N, C-alpha and C. Protein backbone atom coordinates (compact mmCIF):
# COMPACT_ATOMS: atom_id res chain seq x y z
N MET A 1 126.94 103.97 42.71
CA MET A 1 127.87 104.74 43.51
C MET A 1 129.24 104.08 43.41
N ASP A 2 130.22 104.84 43.03
CA ASP A 2 131.59 104.35 42.89
C ASP A 2 132.39 104.78 44.12
N VAL A 3 132.97 103.80 44.81
CA VAL A 3 133.76 104.08 46.02
C VAL A 3 135.22 103.87 45.69
N THR A 4 136.03 104.85 46.00
CA THR A 4 137.47 104.76 45.77
C THR A 4 138.19 104.89 47.11
N PHE A 5 139.13 103.97 47.33
CA PHE A 5 139.91 104.00 48.56
C PHE A 5 141.24 104.68 48.31
N THR A 6 141.78 105.28 49.34
CA THR A 6 143.08 105.92 49.26
C THR A 6 144.17 104.87 49.19
N THR A 7 145.17 105.13 48.38
CA THR A 7 146.31 104.22 48.30
C THR A 7 147.00 104.16 49.65
N SER A 8 147.32 102.95 50.08
CA SER A 8 148.00 102.76 51.36
C SER A 8 149.50 102.65 51.14
N ALA A 9 150.24 103.32 51.97
CA ALA A 9 151.71 103.22 51.94
C ALA A 9 152.22 102.13 52.85
N TYR A 10 151.29 101.35 53.44
CA TYR A 10 151.66 100.40 54.47
C TYR A 10 151.21 98.97 54.17
N PRO A 11 151.80 98.33 53.17
CA PRO A 11 151.48 96.90 52.99
C PRO A 11 152.04 96.12 54.17
N PRO A 12 151.38 95.03 54.56
CA PRO A 12 151.76 94.31 55.79
C PRO A 12 152.97 93.39 55.62
N LEU A 13 154.00 93.89 54.98
CA LEU A 13 155.17 93.05 54.66
C LEU A 13 155.91 92.58 55.90
N ALA A 14 156.06 93.44 56.88
CA ALA A 14 156.83 93.08 58.08
C ALA A 14 156.22 91.87 58.78
N LEU A 15 154.89 91.77 58.80
CA LEU A 15 154.22 90.63 59.43
C LEU A 15 154.60 89.33 58.73
N GLY A 16 154.58 89.34 57.41
CA GLY A 16 154.95 88.14 56.66
C GLY A 16 156.41 87.78 56.83
N PHE A 17 157.30 88.77 56.75
CA PHE A 17 158.73 88.50 56.93
C PHE A 17 159.01 87.97 58.33
N PHE A 18 158.37 88.57 59.33
CA PHE A 18 158.60 88.14 60.70
C PHE A 18 158.12 86.70 60.92
N GLY A 19 156.94 86.39 60.42
CA GLY A 19 156.42 85.03 60.58
C GLY A 19 157.32 84.00 59.92
N LEU A 20 157.70 84.25 58.67
CA LEU A 20 158.58 83.32 57.97
C LEU A 20 159.92 83.21 58.67
N GLY A 21 160.50 84.34 59.02
CA GLY A 21 161.81 84.33 59.66
C GLY A 21 161.81 83.57 60.97
N THR A 22 160.78 83.77 61.78
CA THR A 22 160.70 83.05 63.05
C THR A 22 160.56 81.56 62.82
N GLY A 23 159.72 81.17 61.87
CA GLY A 23 159.58 79.75 61.55
C GLY A 23 160.89 79.14 61.09
N TYR A 24 161.60 79.86 60.24
CA TYR A 24 162.89 79.34 59.75
C TYR A 24 163.92 79.27 60.87
N LEU A 25 163.91 80.22 61.78
CA LEU A 25 164.85 80.16 62.90
C LEU A 25 164.54 78.97 63.80
N ILE A 26 163.27 78.73 64.07
CA ILE A 26 162.89 77.61 64.94
C ILE A 26 163.22 76.28 64.27
N TRP A 27 162.77 76.08 63.04
CA TRP A 27 162.99 74.81 62.35
C TRP A 27 164.46 74.65 61.96
N GLY A 28 165.10 75.75 61.56
CA GLY A 28 166.50 75.68 61.14
C GLY A 28 167.44 75.27 62.26
N ILE A 29 167.20 75.78 63.46
CA ILE A 29 168.04 75.38 64.60
C ILE A 29 167.91 73.88 64.84
N GLN A 30 166.68 73.37 64.79
CA GLN A 30 166.49 71.93 65.02
C GLN A 30 167.16 71.10 63.91
N GLU A 31 167.00 71.52 62.66
CA GLU A 31 167.56 70.75 61.55
C GLU A 31 169.09 70.85 61.50
N PHE A 32 169.63 72.03 61.68
CA PHE A 32 171.07 72.23 61.55
C PHE A 32 171.84 71.74 62.78
N LEU A 33 171.39 72.14 63.94
CA LEU A 33 172.09 71.77 65.17
C LEU A 33 171.62 70.45 65.76
N ARG A 34 170.51 69.96 65.22
CA ARG A 34 169.86 68.73 65.71
C ARG A 34 169.53 68.87 67.20
N TRP A 35 169.12 70.10 67.55
CA TRP A 35 168.73 70.39 68.91
C TRP A 35 167.41 71.13 68.92
N PRO A 36 166.50 70.74 69.70
CA PRO A 36 166.51 69.50 70.46
C PRO A 36 166.38 68.30 69.53
N PRO A 37 166.83 67.14 69.98
CA PRO A 37 166.76 65.95 69.11
C PRO A 37 165.31 65.65 68.72
N ARG A 38 165.15 65.17 67.48
CA ARG A 38 163.81 64.82 66.99
C ARG A 38 163.17 63.78 67.89
N GLY A 39 161.92 63.91 68.09
CA GLY A 39 161.11 62.98 68.86
C GLY A 39 159.66 63.43 68.75
N GLU A 40 158.77 62.67 69.30
CA GLU A 40 157.35 62.98 69.17
C GLU A 40 157.00 64.35 69.75
N ALA A 41 157.51 64.65 70.93
CA ALA A 41 157.20 65.93 71.57
C ALA A 41 157.80 67.11 70.80
N VAL A 42 159.03 66.94 70.31
CA VAL A 42 159.68 68.00 69.53
C VAL A 42 158.93 68.22 68.22
N ASP A 43 158.53 67.13 67.56
CA ASP A 43 157.78 67.26 66.31
C ASP A 43 156.44 67.96 66.52
N ARG A 44 155.77 67.67 67.62
CA ARG A 44 154.51 68.36 67.91
C ARG A 44 154.75 69.85 68.13
N ALA A 45 155.81 70.17 68.86
CA ALA A 45 156.12 71.58 69.10
C ALA A 45 156.48 72.30 67.80
N LEU A 46 157.33 71.68 66.98
CA LEU A 46 157.68 72.28 65.70
C LEU A 46 156.45 72.43 64.81
N GLY A 47 155.58 71.44 64.83
CA GLY A 47 154.36 71.51 64.05
C GLY A 47 153.47 72.66 64.48
N THR A 48 153.32 72.82 65.79
CA THR A 48 152.50 73.91 66.31
C THR A 48 153.05 75.26 65.88
N TRP A 49 154.37 75.45 66.05
CA TRP A 49 154.98 76.70 65.63
C TRP A 49 154.85 76.90 64.13
N GLY A 50 155.03 75.84 63.35
CA GLY A 50 154.93 75.96 61.89
C GLY A 50 153.56 76.43 61.44
N ILE A 51 152.53 75.90 62.06
CA ILE A 51 151.17 76.29 61.69
C ILE A 51 150.91 77.75 62.08
N TRP A 52 151.23 78.09 63.33
CA TRP A 52 150.77 79.37 63.85
C TRP A 52 151.63 80.57 63.52
N LEU A 53 152.94 80.42 63.43
CA LEU A 53 153.69 81.65 63.16
C LEU A 53 153.98 81.82 61.67
N PRO A 54 154.80 80.99 61.05
CA PRO A 54 154.99 81.22 59.62
C PRO A 54 153.73 80.99 58.81
N GLY A 55 152.93 80.00 59.19
CA GLY A 55 151.71 79.72 58.44
C GLY A 55 150.71 80.86 58.53
N PHE A 56 150.33 81.19 59.73
CA PHE A 56 149.27 82.18 59.91
C PHE A 56 149.73 83.59 59.51
N CYS A 57 150.92 83.99 59.93
CA CYS A 57 151.40 85.35 59.60
C CYS A 57 151.51 85.54 58.09
N GLN A 58 152.05 84.56 57.39
CA GLN A 58 152.20 84.71 55.94
C GLN A 58 150.84 84.66 55.23
N PHE A 59 149.97 83.77 55.68
CA PHE A 59 148.66 83.67 55.05
C PHE A 59 147.88 84.98 55.20
N VAL A 60 147.88 85.54 56.41
CA VAL A 60 147.18 86.81 56.65
C VAL A 60 147.80 87.91 55.79
N THR A 61 149.12 87.96 55.72
CA THR A 61 149.80 88.96 54.90
C THR A 61 149.40 88.82 53.44
N GLY A 62 149.45 87.59 52.93
CA GLY A 62 149.09 87.36 51.53
C GLY A 62 147.65 87.73 51.24
N LEU A 63 146.76 87.38 52.15
CA LEU A 63 145.35 87.68 51.97
C LEU A 63 145.10 89.19 51.94
N ILE A 64 145.71 89.91 52.88
CA ILE A 64 145.56 91.37 52.90
C ILE A 64 146.10 91.97 51.61
N LEU A 65 147.26 91.50 51.17
CA LEU A 65 147.83 92.04 49.93
C LEU A 65 146.94 91.74 48.73
N LEU A 66 146.46 90.49 48.61
CA LEU A 66 145.61 90.15 47.47
C LEU A 66 144.33 90.97 47.46
N ILE A 67 143.69 91.10 48.60
CA ILE A 67 142.45 91.88 48.68
C ILE A 67 142.74 93.35 48.43
N GLY A 68 143.83 93.85 49.00
CA GLY A 68 144.19 95.25 48.80
C GLY A 68 144.56 95.57 47.36
N LEU A 69 145.14 94.61 46.65
CA LEU A 69 145.50 94.81 45.24
C LEU A 69 144.31 94.67 44.30
N THR A 70 143.43 93.72 44.60
CA THR A 70 142.39 93.37 43.62
C THR A 70 141.02 93.97 43.93
N TRP A 71 140.57 93.93 45.17
CA TRP A 71 139.23 94.40 45.49
C TRP A 71 139.19 95.89 45.81
N PHE A 72 140.14 96.32 46.64
CA PHE A 72 140.09 97.70 47.11
C PHE A 72 141.12 98.60 46.44
N GLU A 73 142.07 98.02 45.75
CA GLU A 73 143.10 98.76 45.01
C GLU A 73 143.81 99.80 45.88
N VAL A 74 144.11 99.41 47.12
CA VAL A 74 144.82 100.32 48.02
C VAL A 74 146.34 100.14 47.92
N PHE A 75 146.78 99.05 47.30
CA PHE A 75 148.20 98.85 47.04
C PHE A 75 148.39 98.92 45.52
N LYS A 76 149.41 99.64 45.08
CA LYS A 76 149.56 99.92 43.66
C LYS A 76 150.83 99.36 43.04
N GLU A 77 151.80 98.98 43.84
CA GLU A 77 153.09 98.55 43.29
C GLU A 77 152.96 97.14 42.72
N PRO A 78 153.21 96.94 41.41
CA PRO A 78 153.04 95.62 40.79
C PRO A 78 153.81 94.48 41.45
N PRO A 79 155.05 94.67 41.95
CA PRO A 79 155.72 93.55 42.61
C PRO A 79 154.97 93.00 43.84
N LEU A 80 154.08 93.81 44.41
CA LEU A 80 153.30 93.32 45.55
C LEU A 80 152.39 92.16 45.15
N TYR A 81 152.06 92.04 43.86
CA TYR A 81 151.27 90.90 43.41
C TYR A 81 152.06 89.61 43.63
N THR A 82 153.34 89.63 43.30
CA THR A 82 154.19 88.46 43.54
C THR A 82 154.32 88.19 45.03
N ALA A 83 154.46 89.25 45.82
CA ALA A 83 154.53 89.09 47.28
C ALA A 83 153.23 88.47 47.80
N ALA A 84 152.09 88.91 47.27
CA ALA A 84 150.80 88.36 47.71
C ALA A 84 150.70 86.88 47.38
N LEU A 85 151.11 86.52 46.17
CA LEU A 85 151.11 85.11 45.78
C LEU A 85 152.01 84.30 46.70
N ALA A 86 153.22 84.78 46.90
CA ALA A 86 154.20 84.04 47.70
C ALA A 86 153.76 83.93 49.16
N PHE A 87 153.38 85.04 49.78
CA PHE A 87 152.97 84.97 51.18
C PHE A 87 151.78 84.02 51.36
N SER A 88 150.80 84.10 50.46
CA SER A 88 149.64 83.22 50.56
C SER A 88 150.04 81.76 50.41
N ALA A 89 150.78 81.45 49.35
CA ALA A 89 151.17 80.06 49.08
C ALA A 89 152.08 79.52 50.18
N TYR A 90 153.08 80.28 50.58
CA TYR A 90 153.98 79.81 51.63
C TYR A 90 153.24 79.66 52.96
N GLY A 91 152.30 80.56 53.24
CA GLY A 91 151.53 80.43 54.47
C GLY A 91 150.71 79.15 54.50
N ILE A 92 150.02 78.88 53.39
CA ILE A 92 149.21 77.66 53.31
C ILE A 92 150.10 76.42 53.41
N HIS A 93 151.25 76.47 52.76
CA HIS A 93 152.13 75.30 52.81
C HIS A 93 152.67 75.07 54.22
N TRP A 94 152.86 76.16 55.00
CA TRP A 94 153.28 75.98 56.39
C TRP A 94 152.19 75.34 57.23
N PHE A 95 150.92 75.62 56.91
CA PHE A 95 149.84 74.91 57.60
C PHE A 95 150.00 73.41 57.40
N ALA A 96 150.25 73.00 56.16
CA ALA A 96 150.39 71.57 55.85
C ALA A 96 151.67 70.99 56.47
N LEU A 97 152.78 71.72 56.35
CA LEU A 97 154.04 71.25 56.94
C LEU A 97 153.90 71.08 58.45
N GLY A 98 153.35 72.08 59.09
CA GLY A 98 153.18 72.02 60.54
C GLY A 98 152.28 70.88 60.96
N TRP A 99 151.19 70.70 60.24
CA TRP A 99 150.25 69.63 60.56
C TRP A 99 150.92 68.27 60.36
N ASP A 100 151.63 68.11 59.25
CA ASP A 100 152.33 66.84 59.00
C ASP A 100 153.35 66.54 60.09
N ARG A 101 154.10 67.55 60.49
CA ARG A 101 155.11 67.34 61.54
C ARG A 101 154.42 67.03 62.86
N TYR A 102 153.36 67.77 63.17
CA TYR A 102 152.63 67.56 64.42
C TYR A 102 152.07 66.14 64.49
N ARG A 103 151.55 65.65 63.39
CA ARG A 103 150.92 64.33 63.35
C ARG A 103 151.91 63.20 63.10
N GLY A 104 153.15 63.52 62.75
CA GLY A 104 154.14 62.48 62.46
C GLY A 104 153.92 61.83 61.10
N ASN A 105 153.33 62.56 60.16
CA ASN A 105 153.07 62.02 58.83
C ASN A 105 154.37 61.86 58.03
N ASP A 106 154.35 60.98 57.06
CA ASP A 106 155.51 60.70 56.21
C ASP A 106 155.79 61.91 55.31
N PRO A 107 156.94 62.56 55.44
CA PRO A 107 157.21 63.76 54.65
C PRO A 107 157.59 63.47 53.20
N ARG A 108 157.87 62.23 52.84
CA ARG A 108 158.31 61.94 51.47
C ARG A 108 157.26 62.26 50.43
N VAL A 109 155.99 62.27 50.83
CA VAL A 109 154.95 62.59 49.86
C VAL A 109 155.00 64.06 49.43
N ASN A 110 155.82 64.85 50.10
CA ASN A 110 155.92 66.27 49.80
C ASN A 110 156.92 66.60 48.70
N VAL A 111 157.49 65.61 48.05
CA VAL A 111 158.51 65.86 47.03
C VAL A 111 157.97 66.78 45.93
N GLY A 112 156.71 66.59 45.54
CA GLY A 112 156.13 67.42 44.48
C GLY A 112 156.00 68.88 44.87
N PHE A 113 155.61 69.13 46.11
CA PHE A 113 155.46 70.53 46.50
C PHE A 113 156.82 71.23 46.55
N SER A 114 157.89 70.50 46.83
CA SER A 114 159.20 71.16 46.84
C SER A 114 159.54 71.68 45.45
N LEU A 115 159.13 70.96 44.40
CA LEU A 115 159.37 71.44 43.03
C LEU A 115 158.57 72.71 42.75
N SER A 116 157.29 72.72 43.13
CA SER A 116 156.48 73.91 42.86
C SER A 116 156.97 75.12 43.65
N PHE A 117 157.49 74.89 44.85
CA PHE A 117 157.98 76.02 45.63
C PHE A 117 159.36 76.47 45.17
N MET A 118 160.11 75.60 44.48
CA MET A 118 161.33 76.06 43.81
C MET A 118 160.96 77.00 42.67
N VAL A 119 159.89 76.67 41.93
CA VAL A 119 159.41 77.56 40.87
C VAL A 119 159.01 78.91 41.46
N LEU A 120 158.29 78.88 42.59
CA LEU A 120 157.88 80.13 43.23
C LEU A 120 159.10 80.94 43.70
N GLY A 121 160.12 80.26 44.21
CA GLY A 121 161.34 80.95 44.60
C GLY A 121 162.04 81.60 43.41
N ALA A 122 162.09 80.88 42.30
CA ALA A 122 162.71 81.44 41.09
C ALA A 122 161.89 82.62 40.55
N LEU A 123 160.57 82.48 40.58
CA LEU A 123 159.69 83.56 40.13
C LEU A 123 159.88 84.82 40.98
N GLY A 124 159.89 84.65 42.29
CA GLY A 124 160.09 85.79 43.17
C GLY A 124 161.45 86.45 42.95
N SER A 125 162.48 85.64 42.76
CA SER A 125 163.81 86.19 42.49
C SER A 125 163.79 87.03 41.22
N LEU A 126 163.20 86.48 40.17
CA LEU A 126 163.12 87.21 38.89
C LEU A 126 162.39 88.54 39.06
N VAL A 127 161.22 88.50 39.69
CA VAL A 127 160.42 89.72 39.83
C VAL A 127 161.14 90.76 40.68
N PHE A 128 161.67 90.37 41.83
CA PHE A 128 162.22 91.39 42.73
C PHE A 128 163.60 91.88 42.31
N PHE A 129 164.41 91.02 41.70
CA PHE A 129 165.66 91.54 41.16
C PHE A 129 165.38 92.49 39.99
N THR A 130 164.41 92.13 39.15
CA THR A 130 164.05 93.00 38.02
C THR A 130 163.46 94.32 38.51
N ALA A 131 162.72 94.28 39.61
CA ALA A 131 162.12 95.50 40.19
C ALA A 131 163.13 96.29 41.03
N HIS A 132 164.38 95.87 41.02
CA HIS A 132 165.47 96.54 41.76
C HIS A 132 165.24 96.51 43.28
N SER A 133 164.60 95.45 43.73
CA SER A 133 164.45 95.23 45.17
C SER A 133 165.31 94.02 45.52
N TRP A 134 166.63 94.23 45.47
CA TRP A 134 167.54 93.09 45.64
C TRP A 134 167.42 92.41 47.00
N PRO A 135 167.13 93.13 48.11
CA PRO A 135 167.00 92.41 49.38
C PRO A 135 165.88 91.35 49.36
N VAL A 136 164.77 91.67 48.71
CA VAL A 136 163.68 90.69 48.63
C VAL A 136 164.05 89.62 47.61
N GLY A 137 164.76 90.00 46.55
CA GLY A 137 165.27 89.01 45.60
C GLY A 137 166.17 87.99 46.29
N VAL A 138 167.03 88.46 47.19
CA VAL A 138 167.91 87.57 47.95
C VAL A 138 167.07 86.61 48.80
N LEU A 139 166.00 87.11 49.40
CA LEU A 139 165.11 86.25 50.18
C LEU A 139 164.59 85.09 49.31
N PHE A 140 164.18 85.40 48.10
CA PHE A 140 163.65 84.36 47.23
C PHE A 140 164.72 83.38 46.77
N VAL A 141 165.97 83.84 46.66
CA VAL A 141 167.07 82.90 46.39
C VAL A 141 167.19 81.92 47.56
N GLY A 142 167.10 82.45 48.79
CA GLY A 142 167.13 81.58 49.97
C GLY A 142 165.97 80.61 49.98
N LEU A 143 164.78 81.07 49.61
CA LEU A 143 163.62 80.18 49.55
C LEU A 143 163.81 79.09 48.50
N PHE A 144 164.34 79.46 47.35
CA PHE A 144 164.62 78.47 46.31
C PHE A 144 165.58 77.42 46.86
N ALA A 145 166.64 77.87 47.52
CA ALA A 145 167.65 76.95 48.05
C ALA A 145 167.06 76.01 49.11
N VAL A 146 166.17 76.51 49.96
CA VAL A 146 165.52 75.66 50.97
C VAL A 146 164.77 74.52 50.28
N TYR A 147 164.01 74.85 49.25
CA TYR A 147 163.18 73.82 48.61
C TYR A 147 164.00 72.91 47.70
N ALA A 148 165.12 73.40 47.19
CA ALA A 148 166.03 72.51 46.46
C ALA A 148 166.63 71.49 47.42
N ALA A 149 167.06 71.95 48.60
CA ALA A 149 167.58 71.02 49.61
C ALA A 149 166.49 70.08 50.10
N LYS A 150 165.29 70.60 50.26
CA LYS A 150 164.17 69.77 50.70
C LYS A 150 163.89 68.68 49.66
N PHE A 151 163.94 69.02 48.37
CA PHE A 151 163.73 68.04 47.31
C PHE A 151 164.76 66.92 47.41
N VAL A 152 166.02 67.30 47.57
CA VAL A 152 167.09 66.30 47.67
C VAL A 152 166.88 65.43 48.90
N THR A 153 166.45 66.02 50.00
CA THR A 153 166.16 65.26 51.22
C THR A 153 165.01 64.28 50.99
N PHE A 154 163.95 64.75 50.35
CA PHE A 154 162.78 63.91 50.12
C PHE A 154 163.07 62.72 49.23
N VAL A 155 163.98 62.88 48.25
CA VAL A 155 164.23 61.77 47.33
C VAL A 155 165.28 60.81 47.85
N GLY A 156 165.71 60.97 49.08
CA GLY A 156 166.52 59.92 49.68
C GLY A 156 167.90 60.29 50.16
N PHE A 157 168.18 61.55 50.33
CA PHE A 157 169.49 61.97 50.85
C PHE A 157 169.27 62.76 52.14
N PRO A 158 168.95 62.05 53.23
CA PRO A 158 168.59 62.75 54.47
C PRO A 158 169.73 63.58 55.06
N GLY A 159 170.97 63.32 54.70
CA GLY A 159 172.08 64.11 55.23
C GLY A 159 172.01 65.56 54.80
N VAL A 160 171.25 65.85 53.76
CA VAL A 160 171.11 67.22 53.27
C VAL A 160 170.22 68.04 54.21
N GLU A 161 169.52 67.36 55.12
CA GLU A 161 168.65 68.07 56.06
C GLU A 161 169.43 69.11 56.86
N ARG A 162 170.66 68.81 57.22
CA ARG A 162 171.46 69.80 57.96
C ARG A 162 171.77 71.00 57.09
N VAL A 163 172.05 70.77 55.82
CA VAL A 163 172.28 71.88 54.90
C VAL A 163 171.02 72.73 54.79
N MET A 164 169.88 72.04 54.67
CA MET A 164 168.61 72.76 54.62
C MET A 164 168.41 73.58 55.89
N GLY A 165 168.75 73.02 57.04
CA GLY A 165 168.65 73.75 58.29
C GLY A 165 169.51 75.00 58.30
N LEU A 166 170.73 74.89 57.77
CA LEU A 166 171.61 76.05 57.69
C LEU A 166 171.02 77.11 56.75
N ILE A 167 170.50 76.67 55.61
CA ILE A 167 169.88 77.63 54.68
C ILE A 167 168.68 78.29 55.34
N ARG A 168 167.89 77.51 56.08
CA ARG A 168 166.74 78.11 56.79
C ARG A 168 167.22 79.15 57.81
N LEU A 169 168.28 78.82 58.55
CA LEU A 169 168.80 79.77 59.54
C LEU A 169 169.23 81.08 58.88
N LEU A 170 170.00 80.96 57.80
CA LEU A 170 170.47 82.16 57.10
C LEU A 170 169.32 82.95 56.51
N THR A 171 168.36 82.24 55.93
CA THR A 171 167.19 82.92 55.36
C THR A 171 166.34 83.53 56.47
N GLY A 172 166.23 82.85 57.60
CA GLY A 172 165.49 83.40 58.74
C GLY A 172 166.13 84.67 59.27
N ILE A 173 167.45 84.68 59.34
CA ILE A 173 168.16 85.90 59.77
C ILE A 173 167.91 87.02 58.78
N TRP A 174 167.92 86.69 57.48
CA TRP A 174 167.66 87.70 56.45
C TRP A 174 166.23 88.23 56.57
N CYS A 175 165.28 87.35 56.90
CA CYS A 175 163.90 87.79 57.11
C CYS A 175 163.81 88.75 58.29
N MET A 176 164.62 88.52 59.33
CA MET A 176 164.61 89.44 60.47
C MET A 176 165.16 90.81 60.03
N TYR A 177 166.18 90.81 59.16
CA TYR A 177 166.65 92.08 58.60
C TYR A 177 165.51 92.78 57.85
N LEU A 178 164.81 92.03 56.98
CA LEU A 178 163.73 92.62 56.20
C LEU A 178 162.61 93.13 57.11
N THR A 179 162.30 92.40 58.17
CA THR A 179 161.29 92.85 59.14
C THR A 179 161.71 94.18 59.73
N PHE A 180 162.96 94.25 60.17
CA PHE A 180 163.48 95.46 60.78
C PHE A 180 163.49 96.61 59.78
N ALA A 181 163.99 96.35 58.57
CA ALA A 181 164.11 97.40 57.56
C ALA A 181 162.75 97.96 57.15
N VAL A 182 161.79 97.08 56.88
CA VAL A 182 160.45 97.54 56.49
C VAL A 182 159.82 98.34 57.62
N THR A 183 159.97 97.86 58.84
CA THR A 183 159.34 98.54 59.98
C THR A 183 159.93 99.92 60.20
N VAL A 184 161.27 100.05 60.20
CA VAL A 184 161.84 101.39 60.42
C VAL A 184 161.61 102.30 59.22
N ASP A 185 161.53 101.72 58.01
CA ASP A 185 161.22 102.56 56.85
C ASP A 185 159.81 103.14 56.98
N PHE A 186 158.83 102.28 57.28
CA PHE A 186 157.44 102.74 57.38
C PHE A 186 157.22 103.60 58.63
N SER A 187 157.80 103.20 59.75
CA SER A 187 157.51 103.87 61.01
C SER A 187 158.31 105.15 61.23
N LEU A 188 159.56 105.14 60.77
CA LEU A 188 160.45 106.28 61.07
C LEU A 188 160.91 107.04 59.83
N GLY A 189 160.49 106.57 58.67
CA GLY A 189 160.88 107.26 57.44
C GLY A 189 162.30 106.96 56.99
N TYR A 190 162.91 105.92 57.53
CA TYR A 190 164.26 105.55 57.10
C TYR A 190 164.21 105.01 55.69
N LYS A 191 165.35 104.81 55.10
CA LYS A 191 165.44 104.31 53.74
C LYS A 191 166.39 103.11 53.66
N TRP A 192 166.13 102.09 54.49
CA TRP A 192 166.94 100.89 54.45
C TRP A 192 166.61 100.12 53.18
N PRO A 193 167.58 99.43 52.59
CA PRO A 193 167.28 98.65 51.38
C PRO A 193 166.27 97.54 51.68
N THR A 194 165.18 97.54 50.93
CA THR A 194 164.16 96.49 51.05
C THR A 194 163.68 96.01 49.71
């Protein structure tokens, strides 16, 4: 018996954008404005938020997209494969980032992951700009910039952390735009650039 599912017009993109954007707004404010000042309690709070909002929201989004693309074939747009990869990988990495911050672990060991996530940012930029989805391409430029700044911070230039915080804030604001645009497009039939 062959079972075929109907193509869905509703990939869970807004959930992933919202989770990432909220995480970037929370962490970016602390890094850029240095408020609240770093300390054990602040690091635990940032870690908790990192795990549960950007981590969980993006991981769930990526998982739904991957399963919808590969097992059930309810999503058909090829760029969603890149979105599934990115949401899954970024979600899992937020679990690790949040846990490390919560536990007070040494972040310098993360220098290697910043390189791999720069590759993922470049890949997403290439795919979405080529697919004429420039707003999502811009998001991946922001992601690339965050991990480039993170790399520089990890290798011994901690003053770049404020720059990284500013990039996170700007990228977080852009994620809120994407959340809003995707939601009104799907819910109300608008045609905002996404």
